[in-house]
Amino acid sequence: MFYDVGGDDFPLHDRANIVHGNALRMDWNEVLPASQCSYIMGNPPFYGGMQMNRIQKEEIKDIFCNLKGVGELDYVTAWYVKAAEYAKGRRISCCFVSTNSICQGLAVGIFWRYMKEHLGFDIDFGYRTFIWNNEASDKAHVHVVIIGFSEQCYQKNLKFIYIPNGSVVETNHINGYLMPGNDIYVTEVSVPLSNVPQMRFGSMPRSKGFTLTAEQRNTFIASSPICEKWIRPYWGAEEFLNRKERYCLWLVDVDPDEIAQCPPVVERVNQVRDERLASKAAATRKFAETPMLFAQIAQPVGDGNYLLVPRVSSERRDYIPIAFVSNEIIASDLAYLVPSANMYHFGVMSSQFHNAWIRMVAGRMKSDYRYAKDLVYNTFIWPTASEEHSKMIEQCAATILDIRNRYAEAKIGDLYKRDKMPEILLAAHKALDAAVEDAYGVDFNGDEEKIVAHLFKLYAEKTASKQLTAG
């Protein structure tokens, strides 16, 4: 028997036992008794939590026995659990090609804690994120990791982490982030662990009736000039990073009698009411009572600026661009804002330290970073900076903003792409990195492995002290 693989014949001997079926529903011992197995390897299906159908979601819930948070996990994690249950008590080595999100974001604290603490399995080796090229006609790229794992009692002392650049890290333990060092699980918290301003989601409309394109804005103003003062720039990640024009109707504290003088706005208000009333969610239908207002309003009151952070940013950027923007700009729910941030906060958040934390603990959308208030910002441990260190960080941050102003016509998203970043801007960021590193009291010379290890250490110490205080 032969199968054609990439043009070459791959021999399968007569005694090969090929079974077709649902691997998550069958007893693997009926295919091959675990006592006769030495290795398990495979390439399970690549489906994220949002891509699975109803049957697949039921399967993963059953496999994890309705573990809290299982809805955050990728389909591939169910194969890990099946393999661990099958290999339990046996010297069986397992290895799967997997979506890289199982080693990022919330998944680490849910999935790897379950594997290590509940099932008693640990990582033997890991190949960090790389692009899995395939032969499909559309050349779809999937970002994957390769992870070898086995029961803890059968593991060797030396573990290996393979880096896509060809280097190899030797260690005696690999945690769920594919980092050398002890197990640590960064979990969401509702307020910052450090003494810094709180971050909040942008405003959420819960209706398409509020948003306007540039063309629609011009049409509105031409037909009813009175409504111009109610139309505001509306920025999420796409608008901020790529200078895409988008606007919204902002009717906070507007007199309804005045709105009645503007037919296009009245039409949009009615649209909002109708959309909300048609919703299956009771909470959304409740908002139909106030159709002139966004469902959630986070915009700072008064004049001044706030710090805007895009919720999604390309992995082609070493630094996620953030910026102070005018209160006249309405932040959408695809951005975060920090109303009371100052130049020091901008500096630390723009540094390698904060961006290294993002790269390690944030979730991903494909390979792009998904910034998260509770998981990234609130868990990040800031330096205990002296007045001298704070001033140096502020000066470096101001220099970065000054340099940006020289490129005011460029899209900030393009300006920060790794292959397009102006040397003068990169040098300013490197100076900021050094100032922030100095504030942490370490001398890593920009070594990101050491930076992340140090941040994990600070996180573990902070969360341990909070638990002791609570106890």
Protein backbone atom coordinates (compact mmCIF):
# COMPACT_ATOMS: atom_id res chain seq x y z
CA MET A 1 0.00 0.00 0.00
CA PHE A 2 1.36 3.44 -0.92
CA TYR A 3 0.24 7.00 -0.37
CA ASP A 4 1.51 9.83 -2.50
CA VAL A 5 3.06 12.53 -0.28
CA GLY A 6 4.53 15.53 -2.08
CA GLY A 7 5.35 13.46 -5.15
CA ASP A 8 7.31 10.80 -3.24
CA ASP A 9 5.98 7.37 -2.40
CA PHE A 10 5.56 6.79 1.31
CA PRO A 11 5.44 3.05 2.08
CA LEU A 12 2.88 1.69 4.50
CA HIS A 13 3.56 -1.93 5.33
CA ASP A 14 0.91 -4.63 5.15
CA ARG A 15 0.56 -4.67 8.92
CA ALA A 16 -0.30 -0.96 9.11
CA ASN A 17 -3.58 -0.42 10.95
CA ILE A 18 -5.44 2.60 9.61
CA VAL A 19 -8.58 3.57 11.46
CA HIS A 20 -10.95 6.25 10.23
CA GLY A 21 -13.06 7.94 12.89
CA ASN A 22 -13.46 10.74 15.39
CA ALA A 23 -10.31 10.67 17.51
CA LEU A 24 -11.99 12.60 20.32
CA ARG A 25 -14.87 10.13 20.65
CA MET A 26 -13.10 6.79 20.26
CA ASP A 27 -11.08 4.76 22.76
CA TRP A 28 -7.50 4.91 21.54
CA ASN A 29 -6.74 1.60 23.23
CA GLU A 30 -9.07 -0.08 20.74
CA VAL A 31 -6.82 1.19 17.95
CA LEU A 32 -3.56 0.33 19.71
CA PRO A 33 -3.23 -0.77 23.35
CA ALA A 34 -1.18 1.79 25.28
CA SER A 35 1.07 -1.03 26.48
CA GLN A 36 2.26 -1.46 22.87
CA CYS A 37 2.77 2.25 22.15
CA SER A 38 6.00 4.24 22.43
CA TYR A 39 5.26 7.43 20.53
CA ILE A 40 2.25 9.59 19.63
CA MET A 41 2.64 12.33 17.08
CA GLY A 42 0.31 14.26 14.88
CA ASN A 43 -1.09 17.43 13.42
CA PRO A 44 -4.58 17.90 14.93
CA PRO A 45 -7.12 20.28 13.36
CA PHE A 46 -6.41 24.00 13.66
CA TYR A 47 -9.60 25.60 14.97
CA GLY A 48 -9.75 28.47 17.42
CA GLY A 49 -12.50 28.89 19.99
CA MET A 50 -14.48 31.18 17.67
CA GLN A 51 -14.13 28.84 14.67
CA MET A 52 -15.47 25.63 16.18
CA ASN A 53 -18.96 24.44 15.37
CA ARG A 54 -21.46 23.32 18.01
CA ILE A 55 -20.40 19.65 17.90
CA GLN A 56 -16.71 20.52 18.25
CA LYS A 57 -17.45 22.80 21.21
CA GLU A 58 -19.35 19.97 22.89
CA GLU A 59 -16.45 17.60 22.28
CA ILE A 60 -13.88 19.87 23.87
CA LYS A 61 -16.16 20.52 26.87
CA ASP A 62 -16.55 16.79 27.38
CA ILE A 63 -12.82 16.14 27.07
CA PHE A 64 -12.05 18.82 29.68
CA CYS A 65 -15.02 17.83 31.89
CA ASN A 66 -16.51 21.34 31.54
CA LEU A 67 -13.36 22.97 32.92
CA LYS A 68 -13.92 26.68 33.62
CA GLY A 69 -12.61 28.75 30.72
CA VAL A 70 -12.58 25.86 28.22
CA GLY A 71 -14.33 28.12 25.72
CA GLU A 72 -11.06 30.07 25.39
CA LEU A 73 -9.13 27.00 24.21
CA ASP A 74 -8.30 25.86 20.69
CA TYR A 75 -9.62 22.55 19.37
CA VAL A 76 -6.09 21.09 19.29
CA THR A 77 -5.88 21.10 23.10
CA ALA A 78 -8.39 18.23 23.26
CA TRP A 79 -5.84 15.96 21.53
CA TYR A 80 -3.30 16.77 24.24
CA VAL A 81 -5.73 15.66 26.92
CA LYS A 82 -6.71 12.49 25.03
CA ALA A 83 -3.02 11.66 24.52
CA ALA A 84 -2.23 12.28 28.20
CA GLU A 85 -5.11 10.11 29.39
CA TYR A 86 -4.05 7.35 26.99
CA ALA A 87 -0.35 7.56 27.94
CA LYS A 88 -0.91 7.85 31.71
CA GLY A 89 1.36 5.43 33.55
CA ARG A 90 3.32 4.59 30.39
CA ARG A 91 6.68 5.68 29.05
CA ILE A 92 5.09 7.23 25.97
CA SER A 93 6.45 10.36 24.30
CA CYS A 94 3.91 12.63 22.59
CA CYS A 95 4.39 15.42 20.08
CA PHE A 96 1.88 17.63 18.24
CA VAL A 97 2.06 20.46 15.77
CA SER A 98 -0.33 23.00 17.27
CA THR A 99 -1.74 26.46 16.88
CA ASN A 100 0.60 28.84 18.71
CA SER A 101 -2.25 30.36 20.72
CA ILE A 102 -2.11 27.43 23.17
CA CYS A 103 1.07 29.04 24.53
CA GLN A 104 -0.33 32.58 24.71
CA GLY A 105 -2.85 34.62 26.59
CA LEU A 106 -5.51 33.06 28.78
CA ALA A 107 -4.91 29.59 27.33
CA VAL A 108 -1.71 29.10 29.33
CA GLY A 109 -3.41 29.52 32.70
CA ILE A 110 -6.30 27.26 31.68
CA PHE A 111 -4.82 24.58 29.46
CA TRP A 112 -1.26 24.12 30.69
CA ARG A 113 -2.27 24.30 34.33
CA TYR A 114 -4.74 21.47 33.63
CA MET A 115 -2.10 19.42 31.79
CA LYS A 116 0.57 19.89 34.42
CA GLU A 117 -1.37 19.94 37.69
CA HIS A 118 -4.39 17.76 36.92
CA LEU A 119 -2.96 15.23 34.45
CA GLY A 120 0.68 15.28 35.58
CA PHE A 121 2.18 15.88 32.11
CA ASP A 122 4.91 18.34 31.26
CA ILE A 123 6.78 19.71 28.24
CA ASP A 124 9.85 17.84 26.97
CA PHE A 125 10.70 20.26 24.19
CA GLY A 126 9.13 23.12 22.32
CA TYR A 127 9.65 24.70 18.93
CA ARG A 128 8.52 28.30 19.16
CA THR A 129 6.15 30.03 16.76
CA PHE A 130 6.84 29.72 13.05
CA ILE A 131 4.71 29.89 9.89
CA TRP A 132 3.43 26.53 8.73
CA ASN A 133 3.53 26.77 4.95
CA ASN A 134 1.22 24.42 3.13
CA GLU A 135 0.45 23.39 -0.42
CA ALA A 136 -3.10 24.78 -0.46
CA SER A 137 -3.98 26.89 -3.48
CA ASP A 138 -4.69 29.96 -1.35
CA LYS A 139 -1.37 29.58 0.48
CA ALA A 140 -2.99 30.18 3.84
CA HIS A 141 -0.38 30.65 6.56
CA VAL A 142 -0.92 29.24 10.03
CA HIS A 143 1.31 30.21 12.94
CA VAL A 144 2.22 27.09 14.86
CA VAL A 145 4.39 25.59 17.57
CA ILE A 146 5.63 22.03 17.96
CA ILE A 147 5.47 20.66 21.48
CA GLY A 148 6.73 17.38 22.85
CA PHE A 149 5.28 16.24 26.19
CA SER A 150 5.15 13.22 28.48
CA GLU A 151 4.23 12.24 32.01
CA GLN A 152 6.37 14.03 34.56
CA CYS A 153 7.71 10.86 36.19
CA TYR A 154 9.22 9.69 32.87
CA GLN A 155 10.86 12.93 31.82
CA LYS A 156 14.55 13.58 31.36
CA ASN A 157 16.25 16.37 33.31
CA LEU A 158 17.34 18.32 30.24
CA LYS A 159 14.70 20.05 28.09
CA PHE A 160 15.13 21.95 24.83
CA ILE A 161 13.52 25.06 23.37
CA TYR A 162 14.09 25.47 19.65
CA ILE A 163 14.11 29.01 18.28
CA PRO A 164 13.14 29.60 14.62
CA ASN A 165 16.45 31.42 14.05
CA GLY A 166 18.26 28.11 14.60
CA SER A 167 19.40 28.56 18.20
CA VAL A 168 18.54 26.14 20.98
CA VAL A 169 17.96 26.88 24.68
CA GLU A 170 18.76 24.11 27.16
CA THR A 171 16.89 24.17 30.46
CA ASN A 172 15.62 21.87 33.19
CA HIS A 173 12.03 23.10 32.89
CA ILE A 174 9.80 24.67 30.25
CA ASN A 175 6.67 26.58 31.23
CA GLY A 176 3.48 26.99 29.24
CA TYR A 177 4.78 30.11 27.50
CA LEU A 178 7.63 28.01 26.06
CA MET A 179 10.04 29.88 28.30
CA PRO A 180 12.73 28.35 30.47
CA GLY A 181 11.86 28.58 34.15
CA ASN A 182 9.21 27.72 36.67
CA ASP A 183 5.54 27.38 35.86
CA ILE A 184 3.70 30.64 36.12
CA TYR A 185 0.19 31.48 35.00
CA VAL A 186 -0.68 35.09 34.27
CA THR A 187 -4.40 35.53 34.83
CA GLU A 188 -6.78 38.43 34.34
CA VAL A 189 -7.21 40.98 37.11
CA SER A 190 -9.71 43.83 37.10
CA VAL A 191 -7.39 46.52 38.50
CA PRO A 192 -3.65 47.11 37.93
CA LEU A 193 -1.24 45.27 40.21
CA SER A 194 0.96 48.38 40.13
CA ASN A 195 0.04 51.90 41.22
CA VAL A 196 -0.81 53.30 37.79
CA PRO A 197 -3.88 54.90 36.15
CA GLN A 198 -6.67 52.54 35.22
CA MET A 199 -7.21 51.60 31.59
CA ARG A 200 -10.69 51.28 30.12
CA PHE A 201 -12.38 50.04 26.95
CA GLY A 202 -13.38 52.59 24.35
CA SER A 203 -17.04 53.46 23.96
CA MET A 204 -19.33 50.78 22.55
CA PRO A 205 -22.31 51.77 20.35
CA ARG A 206 -24.16 48.43 19.98
CA SER A 207 -25.61 49.74 16.73
CA LYS A 208 -24.26 50.61 13.31
CA GLY A 209 -26.50 53.67 13.25
CA PHE A 210 -23.93 55.87 14.99
CA THR A 211 -21.04 55.40 12.56
CA LEU A 212 -20.36 57.45 9.43
CA THR A 213 -17.91 57.26 6.58
CA ALA A 214 -16.20 60.45 5.40
CA GLU A 215 -18.66 60.64 2.51
CA GLN A 216 -21.67 60.21 4.80
CA ARG A 217 -20.32 62.89 7.12
CA ASN A 218 -20.11 65.36 4.25
CA THR A 219 -23.63 64.48 3.10
CA PHE A 220 -25.02 65.01 6.60
CA ILE A 221 -23.38 68.42 6.96
CA ALA A 222 -24.45 69.53 3.49
CA SER A 223 -28.08 68.69 4.20
CA SER A 224 -28.14 69.91 7.81
CA PRO A 225 -25.17 72.11 8.81
CA ILE A 226 -26.36 72.10 12.44
CA CYS A 227 -25.27 68.48 12.88
CA GLU A 228 -21.57 69.15 12.17
CA LYS A 229 -20.91 69.85 15.85
CA TRP A 230 -22.23 66.38 16.73
CA ILE A 231 -20.00 64.48 14.33
CA ARG A 232 -16.70 63.40 15.86
CA PRO A 233 -13.69 61.39 14.62
CA TYR A 234 -14.15 57.78 15.72
CA TRP A 235 -10.96 55.77 16.22
CA GLY A 236 -10.28 52.12 16.83
CA ALA A 237 -7.06 50.29 15.96
CA GLU A 238 -7.56 50.56 12.19
CA GLU A 239 -8.32 54.29 12.21
CA PHE A 240 -5.43 55.09 14.53
CA LEU A 241 -2.78 52.93 12.91
CA ASN A 242 -3.71 53.49 9.26
CA ARG A 243 -5.30 56.95 9.33
CA LYS A 244 -8.59 55.61 8.09
CA GLU A 245 -11.34 58.22 8.18
CA ARG A 246 -14.32 57.21 10.28
CA TYR A 247 -16.78 59.29 12.24
CA CYS A 248 -19.62 58.88 14.68
CA LEU A 249 -22.63 60.79 15.92
CA TRP A 250 -21.88 61.85 19.49
CA LEU A 251 -25.12 63.06 21.03
CA VAL A 252 -24.18 63.17 24.70
CA ASP A 253 -25.96 66.12 26.43
CA VAL A 254 -27.55 67.23 23.14
CA ASP A 255 -31.04 68.75 23.36
CA PRO A 256 -33.59 66.38 21.69
CA ASP A 257 -35.45 69.42 20.29
CA GLU A 258 -32.28 70.44 18.51
CA ILE A 259 -31.81 66.93 17.10
CA ALA A 260 -35.35 67.11 15.72
CA GLN A 261 -34.17 69.92 13.42
CA CYS A 262 -31.77 67.54 11.66
CA PRO A 263 -33.67 64.84 9.70
CA PRO A 264 -30.57 62.68 8.86
CA VAL A 265 -29.74 62.43 12.57
CA VAL A 266 -33.35 61.67 13.49
CA GLU A 267 -33.27 58.85 10.92
CA ARG A 268 -30.09 57.42 12.48
CA VAL A 269 -31.53 57.62 16.01
CA ASN A 270 -34.57 55.69 14.85
CA GLN A 271 -32.27 53.14 13.21
CA VAL A 272 -30.42 52.66 16.49
CA ARG A 273 -33.70 52.12 18.36
CA ASP A 274 -34.89 49.57 15.82
CA GLU A 275 -31.59 47.64 15.77
CA ARG A 276 -31.48 47.41 19.55
CA LEU A 277 -35.11 46.33 19.82
CA ALA A 278 -34.42 43.55 17.31
CA SER A 279 -31.54 42.16 19.36
CA LYS A 280 -31.82 38.75 21.03
CA ALA A 281 -29.95 40.13 24.07
CA ALA A 282 -32.18 41.63 26.75
CA ALA A 283 -29.45 44.07 27.80
CA THR A 284 -29.20 45.44 24.26
CA ARG A 285 -32.99 45.80 23.97
CA LYS A 286 -32.90 47.83 27.20
CA PHE A 287 -30.59 50.34 25.50
CA ALA A 288 -33.36 51.05 22.96
CA GLU A 289 -34.75 53.37 25.61
CA THR A 290 -31.79 55.73 25.02
CA PRO A 291 -31.23 55.54 21.25
CA MET A 292 -29.32 58.83 21.15
CA LEU A 293 -26.48 57.41 23.26
CA PHE A 294 -23.82 54.73 22.91
CA ALA A 295 -24.54 51.65 25.00
CA GLN A 296 -21.31 52.09 26.97
CA ILE A 297 -19.68 55.51 27.22
CA ALA A 298 -16.03 55.64 28.25
CA GLN A 299 -15.00 58.96 26.73
CA PRO A 300 -13.26 61.35 29.17
CA VAL A 301 -15.25 64.49 29.97
CA GLY A 302 -13.86 67.94 29.22
CA ASP A 303 -10.88 69.17 27.25
CA GLY A 304 -7.42 67.62 27.18
CA ASN A 305 -5.84 64.42 25.90
CA TYR A 306 -5.93 60.76 26.74
CA LEU A 307 -3.62 57.87 25.89
CA LEU A 308 -5.00 55.60 23.15
CA VAL A 309 -3.85 51.96 22.81
CA PRO A 310 -4.96 49.88 19.80
CA ARG A 311 -6.46 46.51 20.72
CA VAL A 312 -4.82 44.75 17.74
CA SER A 313 -1.39 45.44 16.27
CA SER A 314 0.80 43.62 13.75
CA GLU A 315 3.60 41.36 14.94
CA ARG A 316 5.75 43.14 12.35
CA ARG A 317 6.17 45.93 14.91
CA ASP A 318 8.67 45.65 17.78
CA TYR A 319 6.82 48.46 19.55
CA ILE A 320 3.04 48.77 19.54
CA PRO A 321 2.35 52.42 18.65
CA ILE A 322 0.37 54.31 21.27
CA ALA A 323 -0.35 58.03 21.40
CA PHE A 324 -1.92 60.93 23.23
CA VAL A 325 -5.03 62.04 21.33
CA SER A 326 -7.53 64.82 21.80
CA ASN A 327 -10.74 64.27 23.76
CA GLU A 328 -12.50 65.38 20.57
CA ILE A 329 -11.60 61.96 19.15
CA ILE A 330 -14.00 59.24 20.30
CA ALA A 331 -12.23 55.97 21.07
CA SER A 332 -14.18 52.96 19.81
CA ASP A 333 -14.36 49.61 21.58
CA LEU A 334 -11.49 48.47 19.33
CA ALA A 335 -9.14 50.64 21.36
CA TYR A 336 -8.29 51.18 25.00
CA LEU A 337 -7.81 54.54 26.66
CA VAL A 338 -5.99 55.75 29.76
CA PRO A 339 -7.51 59.15 30.60
CA SER A 340 -5.04 60.28 33.26
CA ALA A 341 -1.80 58.95 31.74
CA ASN A 342 1.24 61.23 31.65
CA MET A 343 4.54 61.21 29.78
CA TYR A 344 6.09 58.71 32.21
CA HIS A 345 3.28 56.22 31.61
CA PHE A 346 3.58 56.71 27.86
CA GLY A 347 7.32 56.08 28.13
CA VAL A 348 7.15 52.83 30.08
CA MET A 349 4.32 51.50 27.90
CA SER A 350 6.32 52.34 24.76
CA SER A 351 9.43 50.54 26.01
CA GLN A 352 10.83 47.10 25.25
CA PHE A 353 9.87 45.95 28.75
CA HIS A 354 6.17 46.50 28.22
CA ASN A 355 6.25 45.24 24.64
CA ALA A 356 8.13 42.09 25.70
CA TRP A 357 5.34 41.46 28.22
CA ILE A 358 2.78 41.93 25.43
CA ARG A 359 4.60 39.45 23.19
CA MET A 360 4.64 36.87 25.95
CA VAL A 361 1.24 37.06 27.65
CA ALA A 362 -1.14 38.66 25.13
CA GLY A 363 -3.39 36.58 22.96
CA ARG A 364 -3.01 36.65 19.19
CA MET A 365 -5.23 37.13 16.19
CA LYS A 366 -3.30 34.95 13.72
CA SER A 367 0.12 36.36 14.59
CA ASP A 368 -1.04 39.89 15.46
CA TYR A 369 -0.98 41.03 19.08
CA ARG A 370 -4.31 41.35 20.86
CA TYR A 371 -3.76 43.82 23.67
CA ALA A 372 -5.96 43.13 26.70
CA LYS A 373 -6.60 45.44 29.61
CA ASP A 374 -7.04 42.78 32.31
CA LEU A 375 -4.44 40.32 31.03
CA VAL A 376 -1.66 42.63 29.80
CA TYR A 377 -1.91 46.13 31.27
CA ASN A 378 -3.19 45.22 34.72
CA THR A 379 -0.71 42.36 35.22
CA PHE A 380 2.36 44.27 34.05
CA ILE A 381 4.64 45.13 36.98
CA TRP A 382 6.02 48.64 36.62
CA PRO A 383 9.44 49.71 37.90
CA THR A 384 9.81 51.41 41.23
CA ALA A 385 11.35 54.44 39.61
CA SER A 386 13.23 57.19 41.42
CA GLU A 387 12.57 60.81 40.52
CA GLU A 388 15.75 60.81 38.45
CA HIS A 389 14.71 57.68 36.56
CA SER A 390 11.22 59.05 35.97
CA LYS A 391 12.59 62.29 34.50
CA MET A 392 14.91 60.38 32.19
CA ILE A 393 12.03 58.22 30.95
CA GLU A 394 9.90 61.32 30.41
CA GLN A 395 12.67 63.01 28.44
CA CYS A 396 13.15 59.96 26.22
CA ALA A 397 9.38 59.72 25.70
CA ALA A 398 9.19 63.40 24.72
CA THR A 399 12.00 62.86 22.20
CA ILE A 400 10.02 60.04 20.59
CA LEU A 401 6.96 62.26 20.23
CA ASP A 402 9.08 65.06 18.78
CA ILE A 403 10.52 62.70 16.17
CA ARG A 404 7.08 61.39 15.32
CA ASN A 405 5.97 64.95 14.60
CA ARG A 406 8.59 65.13 11.84
CA TYR A 407 6.75 62.26 10.14
CA ALA A 408 3.28 63.64 10.77
CA GLU A 409 2.16 62.80 7.22
CA ALA A 410 3.03 59.12 7.59
CA LYS A 411 0.69 56.47 8.93
CA ILE A 412 1.89 55.63 12.41
CA GLY A 413 1.25 51.94 11.69
CA ASP A 414 3.70 52.08 8.77
CA LEU A 415 6.17 54.20 10.72
CA TYR A 416 6.55 51.43 13.29
CA LYS A 417 6.89 48.47 10.95
CA ARG A 418 10.18 46.74 11.54
CA ASP A 419 11.44 47.22 7.99
CA LYS A 420 10.25 50.84 7.68
CA MET A 421 11.04 52.38 11.07
CA PRO A 422 13.29 55.46 10.61
CA GLU A 423 16.68 55.01 12.22
CA ILE A 424 16.27 58.17 14.29
CA LEU A 425 13.00 56.87 15.74
CA LEU A 426 14.48 53.45 16.44
CA ALA A 427 17.47 55.07 18.18
CA ALA A 428 15.10 57.12 20.35
CA HIS A 429 13.25 53.95 21.36
CA LYS A 430 16.53 52.22 22.18
CA ALA A 431 17.43 55.15 24.45
CA LEU A 432 14.03 54.83 26.12
CA ASP A 433 14.57 51.07 26.52
CA ALA A 434 17.85 51.72 28.32
CA ALA A 435 16.25 54.31 30.62
CA VAL A 436 13.40 51.94 31.55
CA GLU A 437 15.83 49.07 32.10
CA ASP A 438 17.85 51.31 34.39
CA ALA A 439 14.66 52.14 36.33
CA TYR A 440 14.13 48.42 36.93
CA GLY A 441 17.63 48.25 38.39
CA VAL A 442 18.88 45.55 36.00
CA ASP A 443 21.53 45.38 33.31
CA PHE A 444 20.24 43.06 30.57
CA ASN A 445 21.41 45.17 27.60
CA GLY A 446 18.10 44.54 25.87
CA ASP A 447 18.19 40.74 26.18
CA GLU A 448 14.47 39.96 25.88
CA GLU A 449 14.74 36.47 27.39
CA LYS A 450 16.15 38.03 30.55
CA ILE A 451 13.62 40.86 30.49
CA VAL A 452 10.68 38.46 30.32
CA ALA A 453 12.16 36.22 33.01
CA HIS A 454 12.57 39.26 35.26
CA LEU A 455 8.99 40.41 34.65
CA PHE A 456 7.69 36.93 35.43
CA LYS A 457 9.67 37.00 38.67
CA LEU A 458 8.21 40.39 39.63
CA TYR A 459 4.72 39.16 38.74
CA ALA A 460 5.11 36.04 40.89
CA GLU A 461 6.36 38.10 43.83
CA LYS A 462 3.55 40.65 43.52
CA THR A 463 0.76 38.10 43.22
CA ALA A 464 2.21 36.01 46.07
CA SER A 465 2.33 39.07 48.36
CA LYS A 466 -1.27 39.99 47.46
CA GLN A 467 -2.42 36.46 48.30
CA LEU A 468 -0.65 36.64 51.65
CA THR A 469 -2.26 40.02 52.35
CA ALA A 470 -5.68 38.66 51.40
CA GLY A 471 -5.13 35.63 53.62
